[in-house]
Protein backbone atom coordinates (compact mmCIF):
# COMPACT_ATOMS: atom_id res chain seq x y z
CA UNK A 1 0.90 121.92 90.40
CA UNK A 2 -1.71 121.78 93.16
CA UNK A 3 -0.39 125.08 94.49
CA UNK A 4 -0.74 126.68 91.09
CA UNK A 5 -4.26 125.35 90.54
CA UNK A 6 -5.44 126.27 94.04
CA UNK A 7 -4.33 129.85 93.44
CA UNK A 8 -6.69 130.15 90.48
CA UNK A 9 -9.55 128.80 92.59
CA UNK A 10 -8.78 131.15 95.47
CA UNK A 11 -8.49 134.06 93.08
CA UNK A 12 -12.10 133.69 91.99
CA UNK A 13 -13.17 134.67 95.52
CA UNK A 14 -11.75 138.13 94.89
CA UNK A 15 -14.38 139.10 92.35
CA UNK A 16 -16.50 140.92 94.88
CA UNK A 17 -17.09 144.10 92.89
CA UNK A 18 -20.28 144.00 90.87
CA UNK A 19 -19.37 145.23 87.42
CA UNK A 20 -20.62 144.80 83.92
CA UNK A 21 -18.49 143.16 81.24
CA UNK A 22 -17.97 144.63 77.78
CA UNK A 23 -16.74 141.37 76.26
CA UNK A 24 -19.11 139.99 73.58
CA UNK A 25 -21.06 136.77 74.01
CA UNK A 26 -19.15 133.84 72.60
CA UNK A 27 -21.36 131.37 70.73
CA UNK A 28 -19.65 128.14 69.76
CA UNK A 29 -21.64 125.52 67.90
CA UNK A 30 -21.44 122.04 69.39
CA UNK A 31 -20.34 119.16 67.20
CA UNK A 32 -22.33 116.02 67.97
CA UNK A 33 -21.11 113.00 66.05
CA UNK A 34 -20.65 109.30 66.57
CA UNK A 35 -17.48 107.71 65.24
CA UNK A 36 -19.00 104.26 64.68
CA UNK A 37 -22.44 102.70 64.23
CA UNK A 38 -22.32 100.13 66.99
CA UNK A 39 -23.41 100.97 70.48
CA UNK A 40 -20.75 102.14 72.86
CA UNK A 41 -18.77 99.54 74.76
CA UNK A 42 -17.16 99.73 78.15
CA UNK A 43 -13.44 100.34 78.01
CA UNK A 44 -10.43 99.99 80.23
CA UNK A 45 -7.72 102.13 78.62
CA UNK A 46 -6.34 104.47 81.24
CA UNK A 47 -3.74 107.25 81.38
CA UNK A 48 -0.83 104.78 81.81
CA UNK A 49 -1.76 102.86 78.69
CA UNK A 50 1.86 102.20 77.67
CA UNK A 51 2.26 99.85 80.64
CA UNK A 52 -0.22 97.50 78.98
CA UNK A 53 2.61 96.42 76.66
CA UNK A 54 4.36 94.87 79.70
CA UNK A 55 7.82 96.02 78.68
CA UNK A 56 10.07 97.18 81.53
CA UNK A 57 12.47 98.88 79.11
CA UNK A 58 9.59 100.88 77.62
CA UNK A 59 8.25 101.88 81.05
CA UNK A 60 11.69 103.14 82.07
CA UNK A 61 12.07 105.13 78.86
CA UNK A 62 8.70 106.85 79.31
CA UNK A 63 9.64 107.79 82.87
CA UNK A 64 12.95 109.23 81.65
CA UNK A 65 11.20 111.19 78.90
CA UNK A 66 8.75 112.72 81.38
CA UNK A 67 11.69 113.73 83.57
CA UNK A 68 14.29 114.85 81.02
CA UNK A 69 12.55 115.93 77.84
CA UNK A 70 13.32 119.57 76.99
CA UNK A 71 10.01 120.24 75.21
CA UNK A 72 8.08 119.16 78.28
CA UNK A 73 10.22 121.39 80.48
CA UNK A 74 9.48 124.35 78.21
CA UNK A 75 5.74 123.58 78.35
CA UNK A 76 5.96 123.52 82.15
CA UNK A 77 7.82 126.83 82.22
CA UNK A 78 5.07 128.35 80.05
CA UNK A 79 2.55 127.01 82.55
CA UNK A 80 4.35 128.68 85.44
CA UNK A 81 4.60 131.93 83.47
CA UNK A 82 0.85 131.88 82.86
CA UNK A 83 0.30 131.22 86.57
CA UNK A 84 2.44 134.24 87.45
CA UNK A 85 0.50 136.45 85.02
CA UNK A 86 -2.75 135.22 86.52
CA UNK A 87 -1.55 136.31 89.95
CA UNK A 88 -0.59 139.74 88.58
CA UNK A 89 -4.00 140.30 86.99
CA UNK A 90 -5.77 139.09 90.12
CA UNK A 91 -3.93 141.73 92.15
CA UNK A 92 -5.50 144.43 89.97
CA UNK A 93 -8.91 143.47 91.33
CA UNK A 94 -7.82 144.34 94.84
CA UNK A 95 -6.90 147.62 96.57
CA UNK A 96 -3.18 148.33 96.72
CA UNK A 97 -1.74 149.05 100.16
CA UNK A 98 1.77 150.45 100.51
CA UNK A 99 3.68 151.40 103.63
CA UNK A 100 5.62 154.64 103.44
CA UNK A 101 8.06 156.49 105.66
CA UNK A 102 10.18 159.52 104.98
CA UNK A 103 12.19 162.11 106.87
CA UNK A 104 13.00 165.66 105.76
CA UNK A 105 15.20 168.29 107.41
CA UNK A 106 15.25 171.73 105.82
CA UNK A 107 16.94 175.07 106.24
CA UNK A 108 15.00 178.21 105.36
CA UNK A 109 16.86 181.10 103.80
CA UNK A 110 17.03 184.40 105.71
CA UNK A 111 15.91 186.11 102.54
CA UNK A 112 12.95 183.81 101.93
CA UNK A 113 9.71 185.80 101.56
CA UNK A 114 8.07 183.69 104.24
CA UNK A 115 10.92 184.16 106.72
CA UNK A 116 10.14 187.19 108.86
CA UNK A 117 12.59 186.33 111.64
CA UNK A 118 15.70 187.51 109.84
CA UNK A 119 17.47 184.31 110.87
CA UNK A 120 18.01 180.92 109.43
CA UNK A 121 15.18 178.54 110.32
CA UNK A 122 15.60 174.81 110.63
CA UNK A 123 12.76 172.31 110.52
CA UNK A 124 12.05 168.59 110.52
CA UNK A 125 9.22 166.70 108.87
CA UNK A 126 8.76 163.02 109.70
CA UNK A 127 5.99 161.03 108.01
CA UNK A 128 4.87 157.41 108.30
CA UNK A 129 1.70 155.87 106.95
CA UNK A 130 -0.28 153.40 104.93
CA UNK A 131 -1.19 154.40 101.37
CA UNK A 132 -4.26 153.11 99.56
CA UNK A 133 -4.89 153.14 95.83
CA UNK A 134 -7.82 151.47 94.10
CA UNK A 135 -9.51 151.82 90.75
CA UNK A 136 -13.17 150.82 90.86
CA UNK A 137 -13.81 148.26 88.14
CA UNK A 138 -16.92 149.99 86.78
CA UNK A 139 -16.83 148.37 83.34
CA UNK A 140 -15.23 145.03 84.14
CA UNK A 141 -11.83 145.92 82.65
CA UNK A 142 -9.82 144.24 85.37
CA UNK A 143 -12.26 141.38 85.73
CA UNK A 144 -12.07 140.67 81.99
CA UNK A 145 -8.27 140.90 82.17
CA UNK A 146 -8.30 138.39 85.01
CA UNK A 147 -10.65 136.08 83.12
CA UNK A 148 -8.45 136.35 80.03
CA UNK A 149 -5.42 135.40 82.12
CA UNK A 150 -7.35 132.55 83.70
CA UNK A 151 -8.21 131.20 80.24
CA UNK A 152 -4.57 131.62 79.23
CA UNK A 153 -3.48 129.72 82.34
CA UNK A 154 -5.91 126.88 81.66
CA UNK A 155 -4.78 126.82 78.02
CA UNK A 156 -1.20 126.45 79.29
CA UNK A 157 -2.30 123.51 81.42
CA UNK A 158 -3.81 121.85 78.35
CA UNK A 159 -0.69 122.69 76.32
CA UNK A 160 1.36 120.93 78.98
CA UNK A 161 -0.92 117.88 78.78
CA UNK A 162 -0.70 117.96 74.96
CA UNK A 163 3.11 118.09 75.14
CA UNK A 164 3.07 115.25 77.66
CA UNK A 165 0.86 113.07 75.46
CA UNK A 166 2.95 113.84 72.38
CA UNK A 167 6.22 113.00 74.16
CA UNK A 168 4.86 109.74 75.57
CA UNK A 169 3.47 108.70 72.18
CA UNK A 170 6.68 109.63 70.36
CA UNK A 171 8.75 107.74 72.92
CA UNK A 172 6.63 104.59 72.63
CA UNK A 173 6.53 104.68 68.83
CA UNK A 174 10.24 105.44 68.53
CA UNK A 175 11.00 102.54 70.86
CA UNK A 176 8.83 100.23 68.76
CA UNK A 177 10.58 101.40 65.60
CA UNK A 178 13.95 100.84 67.25
CA UNK A 179 13.04 97.30 68.32
CA UNK A 180 11.77 96.65 64.80
CA UNK A 181 15.07 97.91 63.40
CA UNK A 182 17.03 95.68 65.81
CA UNK A 183 15.01 92.62 64.77
CA UNK A 184 15.29 93.44 61.07
CA UNK A 185 19.05 93.90 61.42
CA UNK A 186 19.36 90.45 63.00
CA UNK A 187 17.19 88.81 60.34
CA UNK A 188 18.99 90.57 57.47
CA UNK A 189 22.32 89.47 58.90
CA UNK A 190 21.12 85.87 58.66
CA UNK A 191 19.74 86.55 55.15
CA UNK A 192 23.07 88.07 54.14
CA UNK A 193 24.94 85.01 55.40
CA UNK A 194 22.54 82.78 53.44
CA UNK A 195 23.03 84.90 50.29
CA UNK A 196 26.81 84.64 50.71
CA UNK A 197 26.55 80.86 50.87
CA UNK A 198 24.33 80.77 47.78
CA UNK A 199 26.82 82.92 45.89
CA UNK A 200 29.71 80.71 47.01
CA UNK A 201 27.92 77.59 45.77
CA UNK A 202 27.13 79.18 42.40
CA UNK A 203 30.68 80.43 42.06
CA UNK A 204 32.03 76.92 42.63
CA UNK A 205 29.56 75.51 40.10
CA UNK A 206 30.55 78.21 37.61
CA UNK A 207 34.20 77.33 38.10
CA UNK A 208 33.50 73.66 37.31
CA UNK A 209 31.20 74.55 34.43
CA UNK A 210 28.05 73.07 35.96
CA UNK A 211 26.24 76.42 35.99
CA UNK A 212 26.22 79.46 33.77
CA UNK A 213 27.15 83.11 34.16
CA UNK A 214 23.46 84.03 34.35
CA UNK A 215 22.95 82.01 37.56
CA UNK A 216 26.17 83.39 39.05
CA UNK A 217 25.21 86.99 38.26
CA UNK A 218 21.78 86.40 39.70
CA UNK A 219 23.30 85.14 42.97
CA UNK A 220 25.72 88.09 43.00
CA UNK A 221 22.88 90.60 42.48
CA UNK A 222 20.89 88.95 45.26
CA UNK A 223 23.88 89.16 47.61
CA UNK A 224 24.43 92.85 46.86
CA UNK A 225 20.73 93.61 47.29
CA UNK A 226 20.58 91.98 50.71
CA UNK A 227 23.86 93.65 51.68
CA UNK A 228 22.27 97.01 50.82
CA UNK A 229 19.20 96.17 52.91
CA UNK A 230 21.41 95.06 55.80
CA UNK A 231 23.40 98.31 55.76
CA UNK A 232 20.19 100.34 55.57
CA UNK A 233 18.77 98.42 58.53
CA UNK A 234 21.86 99.35 60.55
CA UNK A 235 21.39 103.03 59.64
CA UNK A 236 17.70 102.84 60.53
CA UNK A 237 18.58 101.40 63.92
CA UNK A 238 21.06 104.20 64.60
CA UNK A 239 18.55 106.83 63.48
CA UNK A 240 15.83 105.55 65.82
CA UNK A 241 18.38 105.13 68.62
CA UNK A 242 19.44 108.77 68.19
CA UNK A 243 15.82 109.97 68.27
CA UNK A 244 15.05 107.90 71.37
CA UNK A 245 18.11 109.16 73.24
CA UNK A 246 17.20 112.77 72.47
CA UNK A 247 13.67 112.17 73.73
CA UNK A 248 14.69 110.54 76.98
CA UNK A 249 18.23 111.44 78.03
CA UNK A 250 20.10 114.42 79.44
CA UNK A 251 23.41 112.56 79.55
CA UNK A 252 25.53 113.48 76.51
CA UNK A 253 27.72 110.41 76.97
CA UNK A 254 24.60 108.26 76.96
CA UNK A 255 23.43 109.93 73.73
CA UNK A 256 26.82 109.55 72.09
CA UNK A 257 27.94 106.08 73.13
CA UNK A 258 25.26 103.93 74.78
CA UNK A 259 22.98 101.43 73.04
CA UNK A 260 19.45 100.66 74.18
CA UNK A 261 18.24 97.42 75.73
CA UNK A 262 14.99 96.05 74.36
CA UNK A 263 12.75 93.03 74.45
CA UNK A 264 10.98 91.34 71.57
CA UNK A 265 7.56 92.85 71.15
CA UNK A 266 4.49 90.77 71.90
CA UNK A 267 1.39 92.18 70.25
CA UNK A 268 -1.03 93.67 72.76
CA UNK A 269 -4.62 94.07 71.66
CA UNK A 270 -6.47 97.11 72.99
CA UNK A 271 -10.24 96.95 73.07
CA UNK A 272 -10.96 100.21 71.27
CA UNK A 273 -14.59 101.04 72.09
CA UNK A 274 -17.09 101.49 69.28
CA UNK A 275 -19.87 104.02 69.10
CA UNK A 276 -17.61 106.78 70.45
CA UNK A 277 -19.34 110.17 70.46
CA UNK A 278 -17.76 113.55 69.80
CA UNK A 279 -17.71 114.19 73.55
CA UNK A 280 -14.44 112.26 73.53
CA UNK A 281 -12.95 115.33 71.84
CA UNK A 282 -13.18 117.17 75.15
CA UNK A 283 -10.39 114.85 76.33
CA UNK A 284 -8.05 116.14 73.63
CA UNK A 285 -5.86 118.77 75.28
CA UNK A 286 -5.18 120.60 72.01
CA UNK A 287 -8.91 121.25 71.51
CA UNK A 288 -9.38 122.37 75.10
CA UNK A 289 -6.35 124.65 74.77
CA UNK A 290 -7.58 126.29 71.57
CA UNK A 291 -11.00 126.84 73.14
CA UNK A 292 -9.46 128.52 76.19
CA UNK A 293 -7.34 130.72 73.93
CA UNK A 294 -10.48 131.75 72.04
CA UNK A 295 -12.15 132.68 75.32
CA UNK A 296 -9.05 134.65 76.32
CA UNK A 297 -9.18 136.75 73.12
CA UNK A 298 -12.90 137.32 73.60
CA UNK A 299 -12.37 138.72 77.11
CA UNK A 300 -9.65 141.03 75.81
CA UNK A 301 -12.21 142.69 73.52
CA UNK A 302 -14.01 143.84 76.67
CA UNK A 303 -10.73 145.16 78.05
CA UNK A 304 -10.15 147.16 74.86
CA UNK A 305 -13.70 148.53 74.83
CA UNK A 306 -13.40 149.79 78.41
CA UNK A 307 -10.81 152.31 77.27
CA UNK A 308 -13.66 154.38 75.77
CA UNK A 309 -15.27 154.81 79.19
CA UNK A 310 -14.33 156.88 82.24
CA UNK A 311 -12.33 155.47 85.12
CA UNK A 312 -12.74 156.29 88.79
CA UNK A 313 -9.80 155.90 91.15
CA UNK A 314 -9.59 156.28 94.91
CA UNK A 315 -6.47 157.16 96.88
CA UNK A 316 -5.94 157.65 100.58
CA UNK A 317 -3.41 157.95 103.37
CA UNK A 318 -3.63 156.90 107.00
CA UNK A 319 -0.58 157.69 109.12
CA UNK A 320 1.42 160.08 111.28
CA UNK A 321 3.29 163.33 110.71
CA UNK A 322 5.35 165.44 113.09
CA UNK A 323 8.43 167.65 113.26
CA UNK A 324 9.87 165.56 116.06
CA UNK A 325 10.66 161.88 115.75
CA UNK A 326 9.79 161.28 119.42
CA UNK A 327 6.20 162.44 118.89
CA UNK A 328 5.67 160.78 115.51
CA UNK A 329 3.40 157.97 116.70
CA UNK A 330 1.51 159.96 119.37
CA UNK A 331 -2.16 160.75 119.09
CA UNK A 332 -1.66 164.35 118.05
CA UNK A 333 0.44 163.32 115.06
CA UNK A 334 -2.30 161.31 113.37
CA UNK A 335 -3.17 162.33 109.84
CA UNK A 336 -5.32 161.04 107.03
CA UNK A 337 -6.59 162.00 103.63
CA UNK A 338 -8.80 160.49 101.00
CA UNK A 339 -9.46 161.55 97.45
CA UNK A 340 -10.62 160.42 94.09
CA UNK A 341 -9.88 161.03 90.45
CA UNK A 342 -12.05 160.81 87.37
CA UNK A 343 -10.55 160.27 83.94
CA UNK A 344 -12.50 160.38 80.70
CA UNK A 345 -10.85 159.88 77.30
CA UNK A 346 -11.81 162.55 74.74
CA UNK A 347 -9.70 162.26 71.63
CA UNK A 348 -6.91 159.72 71.07
CA UNK A 349 -6.58 159.91 67.28
CA UNK A 350 -8.30 156.53 66.75
CA UNK A 351 -5.98 154.62 69.08
CA UNK A 352 -8.76 153.15 71.23
CA UNK A 353 -10.90 152.18 68.26
CA UNK A 354 -7.96 150.48 66.53
CA UNK A 355 -7.14 148.58 69.72
CA UNK A 356 -10.72 147.27 69.73
CA UNK A 357 -10.44 146.29 66.06
CA UNK A 358 -7.14 144.55 66.80
CA UNK A 359 -8.71 142.65 69.72
CA UNK A 360 -11.61 141.55 67.46
CA UNK A 361 -9.21 140.38 64.77
CA UNK A 362 -7.24 138.42 67.36
CA UNK A 363 -10.48 136.77 68.46
CA UNK A 364 -11.38 135.96 64.84
CA UNK A 365 -7.96 134.39 64.37
CA UNK A 366 -8.41 132.35 67.56
CA UNK A 367 -11.83 131.18 66.36
CA UNK A 368 -10.39 130.02 63.03
CA UNK A 369 -7.57 128.25 64.90
CA UNK A 370 -10.18 126.53 67.06
CA UNK A 371 -12.12 125.41 63.98
CA UNK A 372 -8.91 124.14 62.36
CA UNK A 373 -8.04 122.24 65.53
CA UNK A 374 -11.46 120.59 65.44
CA UNK A 375 -11.10 119.68 61.76
CA UNK A 376 -7.63 118.29 62.38
CA UNK A 377 -8.92 116.27 65.33
CA UNK A 378 -11.75 114.72 63.32
CA UNK A 379 -9.34 113.99 60.47
CA UNK A 380 -6.81 112.36 62.81
CA UNK A 381 -9.49 110.26 64.45
CA UNK A 382 -10.90 109.09 61.13
CA UNK A 383 -7.47 108.23 59.74
CA UNK A 384 -6.34 106.54 62.96
CA UNK A 385 -9.41 104.28 63.08
CA UNK A 386 -9.25 103.37 59.38
CA UNK A 387 -5.48 102.90 59.50
CA UNK A 388 -5.73 100.58 62.49
CA UNK A 389 -8.41 98.52 60.74
CA UNK A 390 -6.49 98.20 57.46
CA UNK A 391 -3.11 97.53 59.07
CA UNK A 392 -4.78 94.84 61.16
CA UNK A 393 -5.77 93.11 57.90
CA UNK A 394 -2.20 93.52 56.63
CA UNK A 395 -0.94 92.05 59.89
CA UNK A 396 -3.14 88.96 59.47
CA UNK A 397 -1.96 88.54 55.84
CA UNK A 398 1.70 89.02 56.80
CA UNK A 399 1.33 86.47 59.61
CA UNK A 400 -0.21 83.91 57.24
CA UNK A 401 2.52 84.57 54.68
CA UNK A 402 5.27 84.19 57.28
CA UNK A 403 3.79 80.93 58.51
CA UNK A 404 3.51 79.64 54.94
CA UNK A 405 7.15 80.46 54.14
CA UNK A 406 8.17 78.96 57.45
CA UNK A 407 6.43 75.72 56.51
CA UNK A 408 8.14 75.76 53.10
CA UNK A 409 11.48 76.18 54.85
CA UNK A 410 10.72 73.30 57.24
CA UNK A 411 9.86 71.01 54.31
CA UNK A 412 12.99 72.14 52.45
CA UNK A 413 15.12 71.36 55.49
CA UNK A 414 13.60 67.88 55.80
CA UNK A 415 14.32 67.21 52.13
CA UNK A 416 17.83 68.63 52.35
CA UNK A 417 18.60 66.49 55.41
CA UNK A 418 17.73 63.29 53.50
CA UNK A 419 19.47 64.42 50.31
CA UNK A 420 16.38 65.17 48.22
CA UNK A 421 17.12 68.91 47.84
CA UNK A 422 20.22 70.82 46.93
CA UNK A 423 21.90 73.18 49.38
CA UNK A 424 21.16 76.15 47.12
CA UNK A 425 17.43 75.41 47.02
CA UNK A 426 17.43 74.89 50.77
CA UNK A 427 19.20 78.21 51.37
CA UNK A 428 16.80 80.01 49.02
CA UNK A 429 13.84 78.63 51.00
CA UNK A 430 15.51 79.83 54.19
CA UNK A 431 16.14 83.28 52.71
CA UNK A 432 12.53 83.57 51.56
CA UNK A 433 11.38 82.76 55.08
CA UNK A 434 13.71 85.39 56.53
CA UNK A 435 12.35 87.99 54.10
CA UNK A 436 8.79 87.09 55.12
CA UNK A 437 9.83 87.55 58.76
CA UNK A 438 11.02 91.09 57.98
CA UNK A 439 7.75 91.87 56.24
CA UNK A 440 5.81 90.46 59.19
CA UNK A 441 7.88 92.43 61.71
CA UNK A 442 7.35 95.67 59.80
CA UNK A 443 3.62 95.06 59.68
CA UNK A 444 3.49 94.05 63.34
CA UNK A 445 5.14 97.24 64.51
CA UNK A 446 3.08 99.33 62.09
CA UNK A 447 0.00 97.86 63.73
CA UNK A 448 1.38 98.63 67.20
CA UNK A 449 2.03 102.23 66.12
CA UNK A 450 -1.49 102.48 64.70
CA UNK A 451 -2.85 101.58 68.14
CA UNK A 452 -0.78 104.41 69.63
CA UNK A 453 -2.16 106.76 66.98
CA UNK A 454 -5.73 105.86 67.97
CA UNK A 455 -5.03 106.43 71.67
CA UNK A 456 -3.32 109.74 70.90
CA UNK A 457 -6.13 110.85 68.57
CA UNK A 458 -8.64 110.39 71.38
CA UNK A 459 -6.61 112.42 73.85
CA UNK A 460 -4.51 109.77 75.56
CA UNK A 461 -7.01 107.11 76.58
CA UNK A 462 -10.68 106.50 77.16
CA UNK A 463 -10.85 105.98 80.89
CA UNK A 464 -10.75 109.57 82.15
CA UNK A 465 -12.65 109.01 85.39
CA UNK A 466 -9.75 107.97 87.59
CA UNK A 467 -8.96 111.52 88.67
CA UNK A 468 -7.13 110.59 91.87
CA UNK A 469 -4.71 108.38 89.96
CA UNK A 470 -4.13 111.11 87.38
CA UNK A 471 -3.50 113.80 90.00
CA UNK A 472 -1.09 111.53 91.83
CA UNK A 473 0.81 110.78 88.62
CA UNK A 474 0.86 114.40 87.62
CA UNK A 475 2.12 115.48 91.05
CA UNK A 476 5.05 113.07 90.84
CA UNK A 477 5.92 114.14 87.30
CA UNK A 478 5.71 117.84 88.19
CA UNK A 479 7.99 117.31 91.17
CA UNK A 480 10.52 115.60 88.93
CA UNK A 481 10.39 118.53 86.52
CA UNK A 482 10.78 121.01 89.36
CA UNK A 483 13.87 119.17 90.58
CA UNK A 484 15.39 119.05 87.12
CA UNK A 485 14.93 122.82 86.67
CA UNK A 486 16.68 123.73 89.92
């Protein structure tokens, strides 16, 4: 990555020809907003925010995703393609030098008009030289092409970062959903066993006539309902497991056969800063990418406009020519030439004008895409903040409910142990507690996912100043991708 980036920096030194640019001025209104009323707080969320959850299984999965994920590999290939195109367009700013060498032996006809000797003539012509070709960038055509490619390259960098952020977020959230599914499956298995016991008790009572068909049918319906939930929990677990394997693995046997280790999630609170200004949007790679793409289309308008204007090209040769190979590089064989050409378009049946109109329309489309990206970003930020706040309230309510049902179960167990409560009532209290655990787990992981949504909405974290750490991480990840593509 450093090699690719340094090339774009070095390339800027090649713009030594003073030329005007025909690309229009690009005026983009700034959006200055504050996302909360309180003053801004210090924050400590960095680029490796997923490690704050202190889950070794999660850390390993993220590392595997950054190494194996196909979408990230494609984004990196697009980045390398843009880098190659940038190098091609940079070369157009510079003179082209080509080495040439050729040898010719000829036989002149006796009857040739120029042959006065009446005999066959033989001759040799050996040439060797350095050819120069250069088009003076009078109207900034090549400079605008280079700038367009540079914007495209930077947009590809941001696209790579956007893909990286999306893959990390999806991996973390899919892992959370998988752990939630594992926990729900375990709880529902216990609930199913409790429902089976309740049904058995009611069936025995029905057989002895101490309970009616209504109570038995009610126990049967409850058993079937929990059985359905248990089977669905198993399917949910397999669905999340499949998604996680696709995100992180290249091993088909692993995808097909292996389960995933996990640890019970402990809620990690992130101190989301308040009073965040719209400058945070500059950290979102999708916004930066759309802005660079808009700049690219704007530069291409200048390239299209330059087709109306004349072009001036220089060509030259510095080398040697002789009829004897032994004397080719001697002083008397030196030769040179220099020339120029001037080309002015006259009538192209509207082709140039339509190319300009097409370039303008492409810029207009890019501008609308940029506006839509901004709108989407503001919408995602608003929803993420409100969702996190509301789900936090749901989490508190679900925790209180789970604790209340747990206390009811503890009291029921005490009464059952001393014979003051029937087994059926005790099992029902236990089942209610298990159901409240499922509701609490679902809310807990929804809250964890809402935290990820906030971090993602703000571009992957709030602490963007640790550039050395980010470059080091990026270098390692890029090297892993390079190795996987070989």
